[in-house]
Amino acid sequence: MWKFTVIGLLLSSNISFGQTLVKEREARFDDHNHTVARAAIADDDPSDILKSFGKYAKKHYDVKLKRDGKTALKAEEVKIPAFTNKAGDFRARTTQENDSTYLELAYIFGYDMSINSTEHPESYIAMANALHNFALERNKEVYEDELKKHERKLKELNTQLSKNKKEQKAMSKTIKKNAKKVSKDKYADQQMELENESTQKKYRIEALDENNTSIEKRIEETKSKIRSVEDRLKILEAQKS
């Protein structure tokens, strides 16, 4: 079984697609260094990323990847014609660094040979392009889900704000009606009751004012989050190869 740990050396060769970079990174498999193509994934759940990539690899490259621990997938002694005609071990692994999650791909021919941009430029570009396209697809799904969540939240906040203001408007009308009644002799015996009711409604209006201020702040924060996600989706669209 191949085992690998990422080391901190970045190679100088990076393959650029649109505005994004799939980085070529050196990793250690057992006692040998090999090359991986690496891309940032918006999803921070390794299990979800691996599950999605497993489906992606099966659909686009007819490769069945099996779980290899909590953060990795593998397919041993396979051929992926889109990459190369040579048989090898196809590996996928998630890593985390500086609060970011990455997916790394490697295609290993033997104990000291793997696809890399120097010796196998066409194969490396094909593998890096596969990672690039998966990252765009997966990130789009994550951002669209995030956008829907924020839009639902915005709708809830606007609904609550509208409800509060409607309640305040109704109470203000009641306070005005009570004031008119208190000024008339026929309501003299109800004066205390009317004044108490108006006082309670004034307190309620003030409390709702504070609540509305909080809601309006959260509305602006949510709108800002929506704009941020929309911007990220626009960037993804521009990064399509």
Protein backbone atom coordinates (compact mmCIF):
# COMPACT_ATOMS: atom_id res chain seq x y z
CA MET A 1 0.00 0.00 0.00
CA TRP A 2 1.29 3.43 -0.93
CA LYS A 3 1.46 5.93 1.90
CA PHE A 4 2.23 9.58 1.46
CA THR A 5 2.65 12.78 3.39
CA VAL A 6 2.80 16.22 1.83
CA ILE A 7 6.01 18.16 2.26
CA GLY A 8 6.33 21.88 1.92
CA LEU A 9 8.28 22.10 -1.35
CA LEU A 10 6.45 23.71 -4.25
CA LEU A 11 7.86 23.12 -7.70
CA SER A 12 8.36 26.06 -10.01
CA SER A 13 6.05 24.72 -12.71
CA ASN A 14 2.41 25.73 -12.44
CA ILE A 15 -0.24 25.13 -15.08
CA SER A 16 -2.58 28.08 -15.47
CA PHE A 17 -6.20 27.79 -16.61
CA GLY A 18 -7.93 31.14 -17.03
CA GLN A 19 -7.46 32.95 -13.73
CA THR A 20 -6.82 29.89 -11.58
CA LEU A 21 -3.70 27.87 -10.82
CA VAL A 22 -3.35 24.13 -10.40
CA LYS A 23 -0.05 23.86 -8.62
CA GLU A 24 2.50 21.13 -9.08
CA ARG A 25 3.62 20.01 -5.67
CA GLU A 26 6.09 17.41 -4.48
CA ALA A 27 4.85 14.79 -2.01
CA ARG A 28 6.43 11.81 -0.38
CA PHE A 29 5.12 8.29 -1.00
CA ASP A 30 6.83 5.79 1.25
CA ASP A 31 10.52 6.60 0.75
CA HIS A 32 10.23 8.36 -2.62
CA ASN A 33 9.19 11.81 -3.81
CA HIS A 34 6.41 12.06 -6.38
CA THR A 35 4.47 14.84 -8.04
CA VAL A 36 0.86 15.86 -7.33
CA ALA A 37 -1.41 18.37 -9.00
CA ARG A 38 -3.06 20.48 -6.32
CA ALA A 39 -6.11 22.78 -6.26
CA ALA A 40 -8.11 24.55 -3.56
CA ILE A 41 -11.64 23.22 -2.92
CA ALA A 42 -14.29 25.40 -1.28
CA ASP A 43 -15.79 22.44 0.60
CA ASP A 44 -13.99 21.86 3.92
CA ASP A 45 -15.37 18.34 4.44
CA PRO A 46 -12.81 15.78 3.17
CA SER A 47 -15.43 13.05 3.01
CA ASP A 48 -17.70 15.12 0.75
CA ILE A 49 -14.81 16.11 -1.52
CA LEU A 50 -13.61 12.53 -1.93
CA LYS A 51 -17.13 11.25 -2.54
CA SER A 52 -17.68 13.90 -5.22
CA PHE A 53 -14.33 13.27 -6.88
CA GLY A 54 -14.92 9.51 -6.87
CA LYS A 55 -18.14 10.06 -8.82
CA TYR A 56 -16.39 12.56 -11.11
CA ALA A 57 -13.53 10.14 -11.90
CA LYS A 58 -15.96 7.31 -12.62
CA LYS A 59 -18.14 9.47 -14.87
CA HIS A 60 -15.40 11.17 -16.87
CA TYR A 61 -12.55 8.65 -16.82
CA ASP A 62 -14.25 5.32 -16.02
CA VAL A 63 -11.99 4.88 -12.99
CA LYS A 64 -13.29 3.34 -9.79
CA LEU A 65 -11.47 4.85 -6.83
CA LYS A 66 -11.59 3.15 -3.44
CA ARG A 67 -11.22 4.78 -0.05
CA ASP A 68 -7.73 4.69 1.38
CA GLY A 69 -8.20 5.99 4.89
CA LYS A 70 -10.20 9.07 5.88
CA THR A 71 -8.57 11.52 3.48
CA ALA A 72 -7.57 9.55 0.39
CA LEU A 73 -8.74 7.50 -2.59
CA LYS A 74 -6.80 5.10 -4.79
CA ALA A 75 -7.07 2.93 -7.89
CA GLU A 76 -4.14 0.56 -8.30
CA GLU A 77 -2.65 -0.57 -11.64
CA VAL A 78 -5.16 1.25 -13.83
CA LYS A 79 -4.93 2.92 -17.21
CA ILE A 80 -6.44 6.34 -17.82
CA PRO A 81 -6.05 6.94 -21.58
CA ALA A 82 -6.95 10.61 -21.16
CA PHE A 83 -3.74 10.97 -19.12
CA THR A 84 -1.41 8.25 -20.40
CA ASN A 85 -1.35 4.73 -21.84
CA LYS A 86 0.94 3.58 -19.05
CA ALA A 87 -0.58 1.65 -16.16
CA GLY A 88 -0.14 3.15 -12.75
CA ASP A 89 -1.67 3.92 -9.37
CA PHE A 90 -4.07 6.87 -9.47
CA ARG A 91 -4.26 8.63 -6.13
CA ALA A 92 -6.43 11.43 -4.74
CA ARG A 93 -6.07 13.02 -1.35
CA THR A 94 -7.38 16.00 0.60
CA THR A 95 -5.05 18.16 2.67
CA GLN A 96 -5.59 21.20 4.84
CA GLU A 97 -3.29 24.17 5.14
CA ASN A 98 -3.88 27.64 6.58
CA ASP A 99 -7.62 27.01 6.99
CA SER A 100 -7.91 26.00 3.32
CA THR A 101 -8.73 22.57 1.91
CA TYR A 102 -6.97 21.15 -1.14
CA LEU A 103 -7.40 18.14 -3.39
CA GLU A 104 -4.22 16.56 -4.74
CA LEU A 105 -3.92 14.04 -7.59
CA ALA A 106 -0.99 11.77 -8.37
CA TYR A 107 -0.41 9.11 -11.03
CA ILE A 108 2.45 6.79 -10.08
CA PHE A 109 4.14 4.40 -12.51
CA GLY A 110 6.51 2.83 -10.02
CA TYR A 111 8.41 3.39 -6.83
CA ASP A 112 10.22 6.43 -8.26
CA MET A 113 8.22 7.45 -11.34
CA SER A 114 5.07 9.57 -11.64
CA ILE A 115 3.42 11.99 -14.04
CA ASN A 116 5.08 15.38 -13.85
CA SER A 117 5.28 18.45 -16.06
CA THR A 118 8.97 18.00 -16.92
CA GLU A 119 9.03 14.43 -18.16
CA HIS A 120 5.36 14.04 -19.10
CA PRO A 121 4.06 17.53 -19.94
CA GLU A 122 1.03 16.42 -21.94
CA SER A 123 0.00 13.85 -19.35
CA TYR A 124 0.49 16.29 -16.50
CA ILE A 125 -1.56 18.97 -18.24
CA ALA A 126 -4.35 16.42 -18.84
CA MET A 127 -4.36 15.40 -15.17
CA ALA A 128 -4.13 19.01 -13.99
CA ASN A 129 -6.97 19.95 -16.32
CA ALA A 130 -9.10 17.16 -14.82
CA LEU A 131 -8.45 18.56 -11.37
CA HIS A 132 -9.13 22.10 -12.55
CA ASN A 133 -12.49 21.16 -14.03
CA PHE A 134 -13.51 19.16 -10.96
CA ALA A 135 -12.54 22.05 -8.68
CA LEU A 136 -14.68 24.44 -10.71
CA GLU A 137 -17.63 22.05 -10.67
CA ARG A 138 -17.38 21.27 -6.97
CA ASN A 139 -16.75 24.87 -5.93
CA LYS A 140 -19.74 26.00 -7.97
CA GLU A 141 -21.96 23.50 -6.14
CA VAL A 142 -20.65 24.67 -2.76
CA TYR A 143 -21.09 28.36 -3.60
CA GLU A 144 -24.58 27.86 -5.02
CA ASP A 145 -25.62 26.00 -1.85
CA GLU A 146 -24.12 28.80 0.25
CA LEU A 147 -25.95 31.40 -1.85
CA LYS A 148 -29.29 29.63 -1.37
CA LYS A 149 -28.69 29.49 2.39
CA HIS A 150 -27.99 33.23 2.56
CA GLU A 151 -30.99 34.04 0.35
CA ARG A 152 -33.26 31.99 2.63
CA LYS A 153 -31.86 33.82 5.63
CA LEU A 154 -32.39 37.19 3.96
CA LYS A 155 -36.00 36.29 3.23
CA GLU A 156 -36.55 35.24 6.86
CA LEU A 157 -35.03 38.48 8.17
CA ASN A 158 -37.09 40.66 5.82
CA THR A 159 -40.24 38.77 6.79
CA GLN A 160 -39.53 39.30 10.50
CA LEU A 161 -38.74 42.98 9.98
CA SER A 162 -41.97 43.47 8.03
CA LYS A 163 -43.92 41.64 10.74
CA ASN A 164 -42.40 43.84 13.46
CA LYS A 165 -43.18 47.05 11.60
CA LYS A 166 -46.73 45.90 10.95
CA GLU A 167 -47.16 45.20 14.65
CA GLN A 168 -45.70 48.60 15.55
CA LYS A 169 -48.05 50.35 13.14
CA ALA A 170 -51.07 48.62 14.64
CA MET A 171 -49.99 49.49 18.19
CA SER A 172 -49.38 53.13 17.25
CA LYS A 173 -52.94 53.32 15.95
CA THR A 174 -54.23 51.82 19.22
CA ILE A 175 -52.26 54.36 21.27
CA LYS A 176 -53.79 57.23 19.25
CA LYS A 177 -57.28 55.80 19.68
CA ASN A 178 -56.75 55.42 23.41
CA ALA A 179 -55.56 59.01 23.68
CA LYS A 180 -58.73 60.23 22.02
CA LYS A 181 -60.90 58.08 24.28
CA VAL A 182 -59.16 59.32 27.42
CA SER A 183 -60.01 62.92 26.47
CA LYS A 184 -63.71 62.11 26.37
CA ASP A 185 -65.85 62.02 29.52
CA LYS A 186 -67.70 58.85 28.56
CA TYR A 187 -64.47 56.88 28.89
CA ALA A 188 -63.54 58.38 32.28
CA ASP A 189 -64.02 55.09 34.11
CA GLN A 190 -61.66 53.37 31.60
CA GLN A 191 -58.95 56.04 31.69
CA MET A 192 -56.51 54.09 33.84
CA GLU A 193 -57.01 50.92 31.81
CA LEU A 194 -56.52 52.75 28.50
CA GLU A 195 -53.41 54.56 29.73
CA ASN A 196 -51.89 51.30 31.01
CA GLU A 197 -52.58 49.63 27.68
CA SER A 198 -50.93 52.50 25.81
CA THR A 199 -47.91 52.42 28.13
CA GLN A 200 -47.41 48.70 27.54
CA LYS A 201 -47.68 49.17 23.79
CA LYS A 202 -45.12 51.99 23.89
CA TYR A 203 -42.70 49.67 25.70
CA ARG A 204 -43.36 47.01 23.08
CA ILE A 205 -42.74 49.49 20.24
CA GLU A 206 -39.42 50.50 21.80
CA ALA A 207 -38.39 46.88 22.20
CA LEU A 208 -39.27 46.21 18.58
CA ASP A 209 -37.23 49.26 17.55
CA GLU A 210 -34.17 47.67 19.13
CA ASN A 211 -34.98 44.35 17.52
CA ASN A 212 -35.46 46.03 14.14
CA THR A 213 -32.07 47.72 14.41
CA SER A 214 -30.49 44.32 15.03
CA ILE A 215 -32.40 42.74 12.15
CA GLU A 216 -31.46 45.56 9.75
CA LYS A 217 -27.80 45.06 10.65
CA ARG A 218 -28.09 41.33 9.98
CA ILE A 219 -29.85 42.06 6.69
CA GLU A 220 -26.94 44.19 5.53
CA GLU A 221 -24.46 41.54 6.66
CA THR A 222 -26.40 38.87 4.77
CA LYS A 223 -26.58 41.02 1.65
CA SER A 224 -22.82 41.46 1.87
CA LYS A 225 -22.37 37.69 2.10
CA ILE A 226 -24.63 37.23 -0.93
CA ARG A 227 -22.58 39.71 -2.94
CA SER A 228 -19.39 37.92 -1.90
CA VAL A 229 -20.71 34.55 -3.06
CA GLU A 230 -22.01 36.05 -6.30
CA ASP A 231 -18.54 37.51 -6.94
CA ARG A 232 -16.95 34.10 -6.33
CA LEU A 233 -19.39 32.50 -8.79
CA LYS A 234 -18.46 35.13 -11.40
CA ILE A 235 -14.78 34.34 -10.89
CA LEU A 236 -15.50 30.62 -11.35
CA GLU A 237 -17.32 31.37 -14.59
CA ALA A 238 -14.28 33.29 -15.85
CA GLN A 239 -11.98 30.40 -14.87
CA LYS A 240 -13.61 27.85 -17.15
CA SER A 241 -10.99 26.38 -19.44
